[in-house]
Amino acid sequence: MLVAGGRVVCPAVSVADTAASRMKGLLGRRSLATGEGLLLRPAGSIHTAFMRFPIDAVFLDANLRVLRVEANLRPWRIAAQRGARAVVELPAGTAEGMGLAVGLTLELAEGARG
């Protein structure tokens, strides 16, 4: 799970930390359920080619500090952030609803799935 300031931001986060798992990402999924997310690392950019739904992309530095939030990223788009080392993909609207903003630090707690 992903936690920020003691508050659960994403209870069901999967981790994509191999070339194959990062390449697959969310491809083939019809949606992300509320509370689901995907942490891609290392990653400084993402694309939504072939995806079927919009997402929120939260770009993080090496310490999981938020560098940028790209809200409601629609299919067939590209997003990147200089200095980003990881990206969390969340259902569209989640970042704002959870108060994710630049400077906030996230923590990967037990329960993250690989």
PDB file of N, CA and C in Angstrom:
ATOM      1  N   MET A   1       0.838  -1.181   0.000  1.00  0.00           N
ATOM      2  CA  MET A   1       0.000   0.000   0.000  1.00  0.00           C
ATOM      3  C   MET A   1       0.883   1.245   0.000  1.00  0.00           C
ATOM      4  N   LEU A   2       0.339   2.338  -0.502  1.00  0.00           N
ATOM      5  CA  LEU A   2       1.042   3.622  -0.481  1.00  0.00           C
ATOM      6  C   LEU A   2       0.430   4.492   0.600  1.00  0.00           C
ATOM      7  N   VAL A   3       1.308   5.095   1.398  1.00  0.00           N
ATOM      8  CA  VAL A   3       0.880   5.898   2.536  1.00  0.00           C
ATOM      9  C   VAL A   3       1.526   7.279   2.418  1.00  0.00           C
ATOM     10  N   ALA A   4       0.795   8.306   2.828  1.00  0.00           N
ATOM     11  CA  ALA A   4       1.326   9.671   2.871  1.00  0.00           C
ATOM     12  C   ALA A   4       0.899  10.297   4.189  1.00  0.00           C
ATOM     13  N   GLY A   5       1.876  10.648   5.011  1.00  0.00           N
ATOM     14  CA  GLY A   5       1.570  11.288   6.289  1.00  0.00           C
ATOM     15  C   GLY A   5       0.682  10.442   7.189  1.00  0.00           C
ATOM     16  N   GLY A   6       0.881   9.126   7.165  1.00  0.00           N
ATOM     17  CA  GLY A   6       0.089   8.237   7.994  1.00  0.00           C
ATOM     18  C   GLY A   6      -1.275   7.887   7.418  1.00  0.00           C
ATOM     19  N   ARG A   7      -1.605   8.427   6.259  1.00  0.00           N
ATOM     20  CA  ARG A   7      -2.906   8.182   5.623  1.00  0.00           C
ATOM     21  C   ARG A   7      -2.715   7.285   4.413  1.00  0.00           C
ATOM     22  N   VAL A   8      -3.542   6.265   4.267  1.00  0.00           N
ATOM     23  CA  VAL A   8      -3.454   5.362   3.120  1.00  0.00           C
ATOM     24  C   VAL A   8      -3.952   6.083   1.881  1.00  0.00           C
ATOM     25  N   VAL A   9      -3.069   6.160   0.880  1.00  0.00           N
ATOM     26  CA  VAL A   9      -3.396   6.807  -0.386  1.00  0.00           C
ATOM     27  C   VAL A   9      -3.881   5.773  -1.394  1.00  0.00           C
ATOM     28  N   CYS A  10      -3.239   4.612  -1.388  1.00  0.00           N
ATOM     29  CA  CYS A  10      -3.581   3.551  -2.335  1.00  0.00           C
ATOM     30  C   CYS A  10      -3.411   2.202  -1.629  1.00  0.00           C
ATOM     31  N   PRO A  11      -4.520   1.584  -1.205  1.00  0.00           N
ATOM     32  CA  PRO A  11      -4.406   0.339  -0.446  1.00  0.00           C
ATOM     33  C   PRO A  11      -3.964  -0.865  -1.266  1.00  0.00           C
ATOM     34  N   ALA A  12      -4.197  -0.848  -2.566  1.00  0.00           N
ATOM     35  CA  ALA A  12      -3.870  -2.011  -3.404  1.00  0.00           C
ATOM     36  C   ALA A  12      -2.939  -1.598  -4.538  1.00  0.00           C
ATOM     37  N   VAL A  13      -1.689  -1.321  -4.190  1.00  0.00           N
ATOM     38  CA  VAL A  13      -0.718  -0.914  -5.210  1.00  0.00           C
ATOM     39  C   VAL A  13       0.096  -2.123  -5.641  1.00  0.00           C
ATOM     40  N   SER A  14       0.238  -2.265  -6.957  1.00  0.00           N
ATOM     41  CA  SER A  14       1.121  -3.281  -7.524  1.00  0.00           C
ATOM     42  C   SER A  14       2.412  -2.581  -7.924  1.00  0.00           C
ATOM     43  N   VAL A  15       3.510  -3.307  -7.893  1.00  0.00           N
ATOM     44  CA  VAL A  15       4.805  -2.734  -8.238  1.00  0.00           C
ATOM     45  C   VAL A  15       5.302  -3.366  -9.531  1.00  0.00           C
ATOM     46  N   ALA A  16       5.635  -2.520 -10.497  1.00  0.00           N
ATOM     47  CA  ALA A  16       6.222  -2.969 -11.761  1.00  0.00           C
ATOM     48  C   ALA A  16       7.674  -2.513 -11.748  1.00  0.00           C
ATOM     49  N   ASP A  17       8.582  -3.428 -11.409  1.00  0.00           N
ATOM     50  CA  ASP A  17       9.986  -3.058 -11.274  1.00  0.00           C
ATOM     51  C   ASP A  17      10.908  -3.911 -12.133  1.00  0.00           C
ATOM     52  N   THR A  18      10.347  -4.602 -13.103  1.00  0.00           N
ATOM     53  CA  THR A  18      11.150  -5.314 -14.093  1.00  0.00           C
ATOM     54  C   THR A  18      10.806  -4.739 -15.453  1.00  0.00           C
ATOM     55  N   ALA A  19      11.679  -4.938 -16.421  1.00  0.00           N
ATOM     56  CA  ALA A  19      11.422  -4.411 -17.766  1.00  0.00           C
ATOM     57  C   ALA A  19      10.095  -4.929 -18.308  1.00  0.00           C
ATOM     58  N   ALA A  20       9.847  -6.211 -18.143  1.00  0.00           N
ATOM     59  CA  ALA A  20       8.616  -6.802 -18.669  1.00  0.00           C
ATOM     60  C   ALA A  20       7.373  -6.246 -17.971  1.00  0.00           C
ATOM     61  N   SER A  21       7.413  -6.127 -16.648  1.00  0.00           N
ATOM     62  CA  SER A  21       6.232  -5.633 -15.932  1.00  0.00           C
ATOM     63  C   SER A  21       5.987  -4.148 -16.194  1.00  0.00           C
ATOM     64  N   ARG A  22       7.060  -3.371 -16.367  1.00  0.00           N
ATOM     65  CA  ARG A  22       6.884  -1.949 -16.712  1.00  0.00           C
ATOM     66  C   ARG A  22       6.321  -1.811 -18.119  1.00  0.00           C
ATOM     67  N   MET A  23       6.796  -2.655 -19.047  1.00  0.00           N
ATOM     68  CA  MET A  23       6.328  -2.588 -20.420  1.00  0.00           C
ATOM     69  C   MET A  23       4.833  -2.916 -20.493  1.00  0.00           C
ATOM     70  N   LYS A  24       4.403  -3.911 -19.735  1.00  0.00           N
ATOM     71  CA  LYS A  24       2.991  -4.298 -19.741  1.00  0.00           C
ATOM     72  C   LYS A  24       2.153  -3.228 -19.054  1.00  0.00           C
ATOM     73  N   GLY A  25       2.608  -2.732 -17.923  1.00  0.00           N
ATOM     74  CA  GLY A  25       1.877  -1.687 -17.207  1.00  0.00           C
ATOM     75  C   GLY A  25       0.412  -2.029 -17.035  1.00  0.00           C
ATOM     76  N   LEU A  26      -0.448  -1.132 -17.486  1.00  0.00           N
ATOM     77  CA  LEU A  26      -1.887  -1.332 -17.376  1.00  0.00           C
ATOM     78  C   LEU A  26      -2.515  -1.804 -18.676  1.00  0.00           C
ATOM     79  N   LEU A  27      -1.689  -2.151 -19.660  1.00  0.00           N
ATOM     80  CA  LEU A  27      -2.221  -2.610 -20.942  1.00  0.00           C
ATOM     81  C   LEU A  27      -3.087  -3.846 -20.747  1.00  0.00           C
ATOM     82  N   GLY A  28      -4.185  -3.885 -21.452  1.00  0.00           N
ATOM     83  CA  GLY A  28      -5.102  -5.006 -21.364  1.00  0.00           C
ATOM     84  C   GLY A  28      -6.151  -4.859 -20.277  1.00  0.00           C
ATOM     85  N   ARG A  29      -5.974  -3.884 -19.406  1.00  0.00           N
ATOM     86  CA  ARG A  29      -6.954  -3.635 -18.343  1.00  0.00           C
ATOM     87  C   ARG A  29      -8.073  -2.766 -18.891  1.00  0.00           C
ATOM     88  N   ARG A  30      -9.267  -2.991 -18.422  1.00  0.00           N
ATOM     89  CA  ARG A  30     -10.413  -2.167 -18.826  1.00  0.00           C
ATOM     90  C   ARG A  30     -10.584  -0.964 -17.901  1.00  0.00           C
ATOM     91  N   SER A  31      -9.998  -1.068 -16.698  1.00  0.00           N
ATOM     92  CA  SER A  31     -10.108   0.026 -15.736  1.00  0.00           C
ATOM     93  C   SER A  31      -9.195  -0.252 -14.553  1.00  0.00           C
ATOM     94  N   LEU A  32      -9.094   0.741 -13.699  1.00  0.00           N
ATOM     95  CA  LEU A  32      -8.470   0.593 -12.381  1.00  0.00           C
ATOM     96  C   LEU A  32      -9.586   0.838 -11.372  1.00  0.00           C
ATOM     97  N   ALA A  33      -9.761  -0.064 -10.455  1.00  0.00           N
ATOM     98  CA  ALA A  33     -10.792   0.111  -9.432  1.00  0.00           C
ATOM     99  C   ALA A  33     -10.341   1.148  -8.402  1.00  0.00           C
ATOM    100  N   THR A  34     -11.283   1.717  -7.714  1.00  0.00           N
ATOM    101  CA  THR A  34     -10.971   2.630  -6.622  1.00  0.00           C
ATOM    102  C   THR A  34     -10.057   1.912  -5.637  1.00  0.00           C
ATOM    103  N   GLY A  35      -8.973   2.547  -5.252  1.00  0.00           N
ATOM    104  CA  GLY A  35      -8.029   1.958  -4.314  1.00  0.00           C
ATOM    105  C   GLY A  35      -6.910   1.179  -4.965  1.00  0.00           C
ATOM    106  N   GLU A  36      -6.969   0.983  -6.287  1.00  0.00           N
ATOM    107  CA  GLU A  36      -5.911   0.277  -7.007  1.00  0.00           C
ATOM    108  C   GLU A  36      -4.920   1.269  -7.594  1.00  0.00           C
ATOM    109  N   GLY A  37      -3.682   0.819  -7.778  1.00  0.00           N
ATOM    110  CA  GLY A  37      -2.671   1.639  -8.421  1.00  0.00           C
ATOM    111  C   GLY A  37      -1.512   0.787  -8.881  1.00  0.00           C
ATOM    112  N   LEU A  38      -0.656   1.387  -9.695  1.00  0.00           N
ATOM    113  CA  LEU A  38       0.533   0.712 -10.199  1.00  0.00           C
ATOM    114  C   LEU A  38       1.723   1.635 -10.011  1.00  0.00           C
ATOM    115  N   LEU A  39       2.746   1.153  -9.306  1.00  0.00           N
ATOM    116  CA  LEU A  39       3.991   1.896  -9.108  1.00  0.00           C
ATOM    117  C   LEU A  39       5.013   1.363 -10.101  1.00  0.00           C
ATOM    118  N   LEU A  40       5.439   2.205 -11.023  1.00  0.00           N
ATOM    119  CA  LEU A  40       6.445   1.841 -12.016  1.00  0.00           C
ATOM    120  C   LEU A  40       7.776   2.421 -11.572  1.00  0.00           C
ATOM    121  N   ARG A  41       8.796   1.554 -11.446  1.00  0.00           N
ATOM    122  CA  ARG A  41      10.119   2.052 -11.093  1.00  0.00           C
ATOM    123  C   ARG A  41      11.195   1.140 -11.645  1.00  0.00           C
ATOM    124  N   PRO A  42      12.247   1.667 -12.191  1.00  0.00           N
ATOM    125  CA  PRO A  42      12.446   3.099 -12.432  1.00  0.00           C
ATOM    126  C   PRO A  42      11.600   3.563 -13.610  1.00  0.00           C
ATOM    127  N   ALA A  43      11.190   4.809 -13.550  1.00  0.00           N
ATOM    128  CA  ALA A  43      10.417   5.412 -14.640  1.00  0.00           C
ATOM    129  C   ALA A  43      10.417   6.924 -14.470  1.00  0.00           C
ATOM    130  N   GLY A  44      10.694   7.607 -15.554  1.00  0.00           N
ATOM    131  CA  GLY A  44      10.630   9.064 -15.559  1.00  0.00           C
ATOM    132  C   GLY A  44       9.597   9.580 -16.536  1.00  0.00           C
ATOM    133  N   SER A  45       9.039   8.640 -17.308  1.00  0.00           N
ATOM    134  CA  SER A  45       8.009   8.996 -18.278  1.00  0.00           C
ATOM    135  C   SER A  45       7.086   7.809 -18.484  1.00  0.00           C
ATOM    136  N   ILE A  46       5.898   8.095 -18.967  1.00  0.00           N
ATOM    137  CA  ILE A  46       4.929   7.043 -19.268  1.00  0.00           C
ATOM    138  C   ILE A  46       4.192   7.408 -20.548  1.00  0.00           C
ATOM    139  N   HIS A  47       3.506   6.419 -21.102  1.00  0.00           N
ATOM    140  CA  HIS A  47       2.593   6.678 -22.215  1.00  0.00           C
ATOM    141  C   HIS A  47       1.301   5.927 -21.932  1.00  0.00           C
ATOM    142  N   THR A  48       0.238   6.369 -22.565  1.00  0.00           N
ATOM    143  CA  THR A  48      -1.048   5.706 -22.387  1.00  0.00           C
ATOM    144  C   THR A  48      -1.550   5.137 -23.713  1.00  0.00           C
ATOM    145  N   ALA A  49      -0.628   4.832 -24.619  1.00  0.00           N
ATOM    146  CA  ALA A  49      -0.993   4.210 -25.886  1.00  0.00           C
ATOM    147  C   ALA A  49      -1.674   2.875 -25.612  1.00  0.00           C
ATOM    148  N   PHE A  50      -2.719   2.615 -26.322  1.00  0.00           N
ATOM    149  CA  PHE A  50      -3.484   1.369 -26.247  1.00  0.00           C
ATOM    150  C   PHE A  50      -4.284   1.211 -24.955  1.00  0.00           C
ATOM    151  N   MET A  51      -4.239   2.207 -24.090  1.00  0.00           N
ATOM    152  CA  MET A  51      -5.045   2.122 -22.864  1.00  0.00           C
ATOM    153  C   MET A  51      -6.482   2.510 -23.179  1.00  0.00           C
ATOM    154  N   ARG A  52      -7.392   2.099 -22.304  1.00  0.00           N
ATOM    155  CA  ARG A  52      -8.820   2.294 -22.553  1.00  0.00           C
ATOM    156  C   ARG A  52      -9.467   3.305 -21.611  1.00  0.00           C
ATOM    157  N   PHE A  53      -8.679   3.885 -20.709  1.00  0.00           N
ATOM    158  CA  PHE A  53      -9.263   4.749 -19.687  1.00  0.00           C
ATOM    159  C   PHE A  53      -8.238   5.781 -19.241  1.00  0.00           C
ATOM    160  N   PRO A  54      -8.691   6.919 -18.732  1.00  0.00           N
ATOM    161  CA  PRO A  54      -7.763   7.937 -18.222  1.00  0.00           C
ATOM    162  C   PRO A  54      -7.226   7.548 -16.843  1.00  0.00           C
ATOM    163  N   ILE A  55      -6.055   8.095 -16.517  1.00  0.00           N
ATOM    164  CA  ILE A  55      -5.415   7.837 -15.225  1.00  0.00           C
ATOM    165  C   ILE A  55      -4.852   9.140 -14.665  1.00  0.00           C
ATOM    166  N   ASP A  56      -4.531   9.114 -13.397  1.00  0.00           N
ATOM    167  CA  ASP A  56      -3.705  10.152 -12.783  1.00  0.00           C
ATOM    168  C   ASP A  56      -2.300   9.578 -12.706  1.00  0.00           C
ATOM    169  N   ALA A  57      -1.309  10.348 -13.141  1.00  0.00           N
ATOM    170  CA  ALA A  57       0.089   9.921 -13.070  1.00  0.00           C
ATOM    171  C   ALA A  57       0.805  10.820 -12.062  1.00  0.00           C
ATOM    172  N   VAL A  58       1.378  10.193 -11.042  1.00  0.00           N
ATOM    173  CA  VAL A  58       2.080  10.929  -9.994  1.00  0.00           C
ATOM    174  C   VAL A  58       3.564  10.602 -10.125  1.00  0.00           C
ATOM    175  N   PHE A  59       4.354  11.606 -10.520  1.00  0.00           N
ATOM    176  CA  PHE A  59       5.789  11.436 -10.735  1.00  0.00           C
ATOM    177  C   PHE A  59       6.522  11.673  -9.421  1.00  0.00           C
ATOM    178  N   LEU A  60       7.434  10.737  -9.098  1.00  0.00           N
ATOM    179  CA  LEU A  60       8.137  10.751  -7.815  1.00  0.00           C
ATOM    180  C   LEU A  60       9.644  10.765  -8.009  1.00  0.00           C
ATOM    181  N   ASP A  61      10.360  11.355  -7.052  1.00  0.00           N
ATOM    182  CA  ASP A  61      11.821  11.291  -7.081  1.00  0.00           C
ATOM    183  C   ASP A  61      12.280   9.994  -6.411  1.00  0.00           C
ATOM    184  N   ALA A  62      13.568   9.835  -6.211  1.00  0.00           N
ATOM    185  CA  ALA A  62      14.120   8.606  -5.641  1.00  0.00           C
ATOM    186  C   ALA A  62      13.646   8.352  -4.207  1.00  0.00           C
ATOM    187  N   ASN A  63      13.215   9.395  -3.510  1.00  0.00           N
ATOM    188  CA  ASN A  63      12.723   9.267  -2.139  1.00  0.00           C
ATOM    189  C   ASN A  63      11.202   9.209  -2.066  1.00  0.00           C
ATOM    190  N   LEU A  64      10.563   9.012  -3.210  1.00  0.00           N
ATOM    191  CA  LEU A  64       9.104   8.952  -3.339  1.00  0.00           C
ATOM    192  C   LEU A  64       8.420  10.278  -2.997  1.00  0.00           C
ATOM    193  N   ARG A  65       9.130  11.366  -3.219  1.00  0.00           N
ATOM    194  CA  ARG A  65       8.539  12.701  -3.034  1.00  0.00           C
ATOM    195  C   ARG A  65       7.878  13.109  -4.344  1.00  0.00           C
ATOM    196  N   VAL A  66       6.666  13.639  -4.265  1.00  0.00           N
ATOM    197  CA  VAL A  66       5.903  14.017  -5.455  1.00  0.00           C
ATOM    198  C   VAL A  66       6.567  15.210  -6.147  1.00  0.00           C
ATOM    199  N   LEU A  67       6.891  15.012  -7.431  1.00  0.00           N
ATOM    200  CA  LEU A  67       7.465  16.072  -8.255  1.00  0.00           C
ATOM    201  C   LEU A  67       6.415  16.732  -9.142  1.00  0.00           C
ATOM    202  N   ARG A  68       5.418  15.951  -9.530  1.00  0.00           N
ATOM    203  CA  ARG A  68       4.389  16.446 -10.446  1.00  0.00           C
ATOM    204  C   ARG A  68       3.203  15.502 -10.412  1.00  0.00           C
ATOM    205  N   VAL A  69       2.018  16.061 -10.568  1.00  0.00           N
ATOM    206  CA  VAL A  69       0.801  15.269 -10.708  1.00  0.00           C
ATOM    207  C   VAL A  69       0.187  15.615 -12.056  1.00  0.00           C
ATOM    208  N   GLU A  70       0.041  14.620 -12.900  1.00  0.00           N
ATOM    209  CA  GLU A  70      -0.615  14.788 -14.198  1.00  0.00           C
ATOM    210  C   GLU A  70      -1.993  14.144 -14.061  1.00  0.00           C
ATOM    211  N   ALA A  71      -3.000  14.978 -13.857  1.00  0.00           N
ATOM    212  CA  ALA A  71      -4.348  14.484 -13.604  1.00  0.00           C
ATOM    213  C   ALA A  71      -5.081  14.184 -14.902  1.00  0.00           C
ATOM    214  N   ASN A  72      -5.903  13.152 -14.863  1.00  0.00           N
ATOM    215  CA  ASN A  72      -6.795  12.799 -15.961  1.00  0.00           C
ATOM    216  C   ASN A  72      -6.069  12.655 -17.302  1.00  0.00           C
ATOM    217  N   LEU A  73      -4.984  11.918 -17.287  1.00  0.00           N
ATOM    218  CA  LEU A  73      -4.203  11.666 -18.502  1.00  0.00           C
ATOM    219  C   LEU A  73      -4.976  10.670 -19.364  1.00  0.00           C
ATOM    220  N   ARG A  74      -5.435  11.142 -20.505  1.00  0.00           N
ATOM    221  CA  ARG A  74      -6.277  10.327 -21.382  1.00  0.00           C
ATOM    222  C   ARG A  74      -5.445   9.349 -22.201  1.00  0.00           C
ATOM    223  N   PRO A  75      -6.104   8.343 -22.788  1.00  0.00           N
ATOM    224  CA  PRO A  75      -5.396   7.411 -23.668  1.00  0.00           C
ATOM    225  C   PRO A  75      -4.701   8.134 -24.820  1.00  0.00           C
ATOM    226  N   TRP A  76      -3.606   7.538 -25.272  1.00  0.00           N
ATOM    227  CA  TRP A  76      -2.801   8.027 -26.391  1.00  0.00           C
ATOM    228  C   TRP A  76      -2.079   9.336 -26.072  1.00  0.00           C
ATOM    229  N   ARG A  77      -1.613   9.462 -24.833  1.00  0.00           N
ATOM    230  CA  ARG A  77      -0.844  10.630 -24.414  1.00  0.00           C
ATOM    231  C   ARG A  77       0.497  10.171 -23.852  1.00  0.00           C
ATOM    232  N   ILE A  78       1.427  11.123 -23.726  1.00  0.00           N
ATOM    233  CA  ILE A  78       2.736  10.889 -23.118  1.00  0.00           C
ATOM    234  C   ILE A  78       2.918  11.921 -22.017  1.00  0.00           C
ATOM    235  N   ALA A  79       3.515  11.510 -20.913  1.00  0.00           N
ATOM    236  CA  ALA A  79       3.833  12.443 -19.832  1.00  0.00           C
ATOM    237  C   ALA A  79       5.206  12.082 -19.280  1.00  0.00           C
ATOM    238  N   ALA A  80       5.963  13.098 -18.904  1.00  0.00           N
ATOM    239  CA  ALA A  80       7.312  12.892 -18.373  1.00  0.00           C
ATOM    240  C   ALA A  80       7.619  13.984 -17.362  1.00  0.00           C
ATOM    241  N   GLN A  81       8.599  13.700 -16.512  1.00  0.00           N
ATOM    242  CA  GLN A  81       9.052  14.688 -15.538  1.00  0.00           C
ATOM    243  C   GLN A  81      10.541  14.525 -15.318  1.00  0.00           C
ATOM    244  N   ARG A  82      11.283  15.603 -15.550  1.00  0.00           N
ATOM    245  CA  ARG A  82      12.721  15.584 -15.303  1.00  0.00           C
ATOM    246  C   ARG A  82      12.981  15.273 -13.828  1.00  0.00           C
ATOM    247  N   GLY A  83      13.903  14.355 -13.578  1.00  0.00           N
ATOM    248  CA  GLY A  83      14.266  13.990 -12.219  1.00  0.00           C
ATOM    249  C   GLY A  83      13.400  12.903 -11.604  1.00  0.00           C
ATOM    250  N   ALA A  84      12.331  12.514 -12.285  1.00  0.00           N
ATOM    251  CA  ALA A  84      11.463  11.462 -11.749  1.00  0.00           C
ATOM    252  C   ALA A  84      12.170  10.115 -11.820  1.00  0.00           C
ATOM    253  N   ARG A  85      11.978   9.309 -10.787  1.00  0.00           N
ATOM    254  CA  ARG A  85      12.552   7.967 -10.729  1.00  0.00           C
ATOM    255  C   ARG A  85      11.473   6.900 -10.629  1.00  0.00           C
ATOM    256  N   ALA A  86      10.227   7.342 -10.415  1.00  0.00           N
ATOM    257  CA  ALA A  86       9.097   6.413 -10.312  1.00  0.00           C
ATOM    258  C   ALA A  86       7.821   7.171 -10.671  1.00  0.00           C
ATOM    259  N   VAL A  87       6.817   6.398 -11.078  1.00  0.00           N
ATOM    260  CA  VAL A  87       5.508   6.973 -11.400  1.00  0.00           C
ATOM    261  C   VAL A  87       4.446   6.059 -10.792  1.00  0.00           C
ATOM    262  N   VAL A  88       3.475   6.673 -10.134  1.00  0.00           N
ATOM    263  CA  VAL A  88       2.318   5.930  -9.647  1.00  0.00           C
ATOM    264  C   VAL A  88       1.154   6.247 -10.567  1.00  0.00           C
ATOM    265  N   GLU A  89       0.535   5.202 -11.105  1.00  0.00           N
ATOM    266  CA  GLU A  89      -0.647   5.357 -11.937  1.00  0.00           C
ATOM    267  C   GLU A  89      -1.863   4.996 -11.095  1.00  0.00           C
ATOM    268  N   LEU A  90      -2.816   5.927 -11.040  1.00  0.00           N
ATOM    269  CA  LEU A  90      -4.010   5.787 -10.208  1.00  0.00           C
ATOM    270  C   LEU A  90      -5.254   6.051 -11.041  1.00  0.00           C
ATOM    271  N   PRO A  91      -6.434   5.608 -10.592  1.00  0.00           N
ATOM    272  CA  PRO A  91      -7.653   5.957 -11.308  1.00  0.00           C
ATOM    273  C   PRO A  91      -7.790   7.476 -11.408  1.00  0.00           C
ATOM    274  N   ALA A  92      -8.285   7.951 -12.536  1.00  0.00           N
ATOM    275  CA  ALA A  92      -8.465   9.396 -12.732  1.00  0.00           C
ATOM    276  C   ALA A  92      -9.290   9.981 -11.589  1.00  0.00           C
ATOM    277  N   GLY A  93      -8.824  11.090 -11.043  1.00  0.00           N
ATOM    278  CA  GLY A  93      -9.499  11.775  -9.951  1.00  0.00           C
ATOM    279  C   GLY A  93      -8.973  11.422  -8.568  1.00  0.00           C
ATOM    280  N   THR A  94      -8.201  10.361  -8.471  1.00  0.00           N
ATOM    281  CA  THR A  94      -7.695   9.911  -7.174  1.00  0.00           C
ATOM    282  C   THR A  94      -6.696  10.895  -6.574  1.00  0.00           C
ATOM    283  N   ALA A  95      -5.777  11.403  -7.384  1.00  0.00           N
ATOM    284  CA  ALA A  95      -4.732  12.293  -6.865  1.00  0.00           C
ATOM    285  C   ALA A  95      -5.336  13.513  -6.171  1.00  0.00           C
ATOM    286  N   GLU A  96      -6.280  14.151  -6.825  1.00  0.00           N
ATOM    287  CA  GLU A  96      -6.914  15.316  -6.217  1.00  0.00           C
ATOM    288  C   GLU A  96      -7.724  14.913  -4.987  1.00  0.00           C
ATOM    289  N   GLY A  97      -8.458  13.828  -5.088  1.00  0.00           N
ATOM    290  CA  GLY A  97      -9.278  13.361  -3.974  1.00  0.00           C
ATOM    291  C   GLY A  97      -8.470  13.003  -2.742  1.00  0.00           C
ATOM    292  N   MET A  98      -7.233  12.551  -2.952  1.00  0.00           N
ATOM    293  CA  MET A  98      -6.355  12.173  -1.843  1.00  0.00           C
ATOM    294  C   MET A  98      -5.424  13.308  -1.434  1.00  0.00           C
ATOM    295  N   GLY A  99      -5.507  14.433  -2.099  1.00  0.00           N
ATOM    296  CA  GLY A  99      -4.670  15.572  -1.749  1.00  0.00           C
ATOM    297  C   GLY A  99      -3.216  15.410  -2.125  1.00  0.00           C
ATOM    298  N   LEU A 100      -2.932  14.599  -3.157  1.00  0.00           N
ATOM    299  CA  LEU A 100      -1.543  14.427  -3.593  1.00  0.00           C
ATOM    300  C   LEU A 100      -1.081  15.697  -4.286  1.00  0.00           C
ATOM    301  N   ALA A 101       0.017  16.250  -3.819  1.00  0.00           N
ATOM    302  CA  ALA A 101       0.527  17.508  -4.347  1.00  0.00           C
ATOM    303  C   ALA A 101       2.046  17.495  -4.323  1.00  0.00           C
ATOM    304  N   VAL A 102       2.633  18.374  -5.104  1.00  0.00           N
ATOM    305  CA  VAL A 102       4.083  18.495  -5.176  1.00  0.00           C
ATOM    306  C   VAL A 102       4.648  18.715  -3.770  1.00  0.00           C
ATOM    307  N   GLY A 103       5.695  17.953  -3.458  1.00  0.00           N
ATOM    308  CA  GLY A 103       6.366  18.068  -2.163  1.00  0.00           C
ATOM    309  C   GLY A 103       5.959  17.015  -1.153  1.00  0.00           C
ATOM    310  N   LEU A 104       4.797  16.398  -1.331  1.00  0.00           N
ATOM    311  CA  LEU A 104       4.341  15.352  -0.423  1.00  0.00           C
ATOM    312  C   LEU A 104       5.190  14.102  -0.630  1.00  0.00           C
ATOM    313  N   THR A 105       5.566  13.428   0.439  1.00  0.00           N
ATOM    314  CA  THR A 105       6.363  12.201   0.334  1.00  0.00           C
ATOM    315  C   THR A 105       5.483  10.993   0.612  1.00  0.00           C
ATOM    316  N   LEU A 106       5.563  10.013  -0.263  1.00  0.00           N
ATOM    317  CA  LEU A 106       4.820   8.765  -0.120  1.00  0.00           C
ATOM    318  C   LEU A 106       5.720   7.701   0.472  1.00  0.00           C
ATOM    319  N   GLU A 107       5.122   6.685   1.033  1.00  0.00           N
ATOM    320  CA  GLU A 107       5.861   5.562   1.599  1.00  0.00           C
ATOM    321  C   GLU A 107       5.213   4.278   1.109  1.00  0.00           C
ATOM    322  N   LEU A 108       6.031   3.362   0.644  1.00  0.00           N
ATOM    323  CA  LEU A 108       5.549   2.061   0.209  1.00  0.00           C
ATOM    324  C   LEU A 108       5.544   1.150   1.426  1.00  0.00           C
ATOM    325  N   ALA A 109       4.361   0.804   1.905  1.00  0.00           N
ATOM    326  CA  ALA A 109       4.228  -0.016   3.109  1.00  0.00           C
ATOM    327  C   ALA A 109       3.931  -1.459   2.732  1.00  0.00           C
ATOM    328  N   GLU A 110       3.941  -2.334   3.705  1.00  0.00           N
ATOM    329  CA  GLU A 110       3.626  -3.747   3.455  1.00  0.00           C
ATOM    330  C   GLU A 110       2.278  -3.854   2.780  1.00  0.00           C
ATOM    331  N   GLY A 111       2.166  -4.855   1.957  1.00  0.00           N
ATOM    332  CA  GLY A 111       0.926  -5.071   1.238  1.00  0.00           C
ATOM    333  C   GLY A 111       1.058  -4.750  -0.235  1.00  0.00           C
ATOM    334  N   ALA A 112       2.194  -4.162  -0.648  1.00  0.00           N
ATOM    335  CA  ALA A 112       2.414  -3.876  -2.063  1.00  0.00           C
ATOM    336  C   ALA A 112       2.664  -5.188  -2.787  1.00  0.00           C
ATOM    337  N   ARG A 113       2.044  -5.341  -3.922  1.00  0.00           N
ATOM    338  CA  ARG A 113       2.174  -6.575  -4.698  1.00  0.00           C
ATOM    339  C   ARG A 113       3.123  -6.366  -5.853  1.00  0.00           C
ATOM    340  N   GLY A 114       3.965  -7.360  -6.096  1.00  0.00           N
ATOM    341  CA  GLY A 114       4.915  -7.282  -7.200  1.00  0.00           C
ATOM    342  C   GLY A 114       4.448  -8.004  -8.415  1.00  0.00           C
TER     343      GLY A 114
END
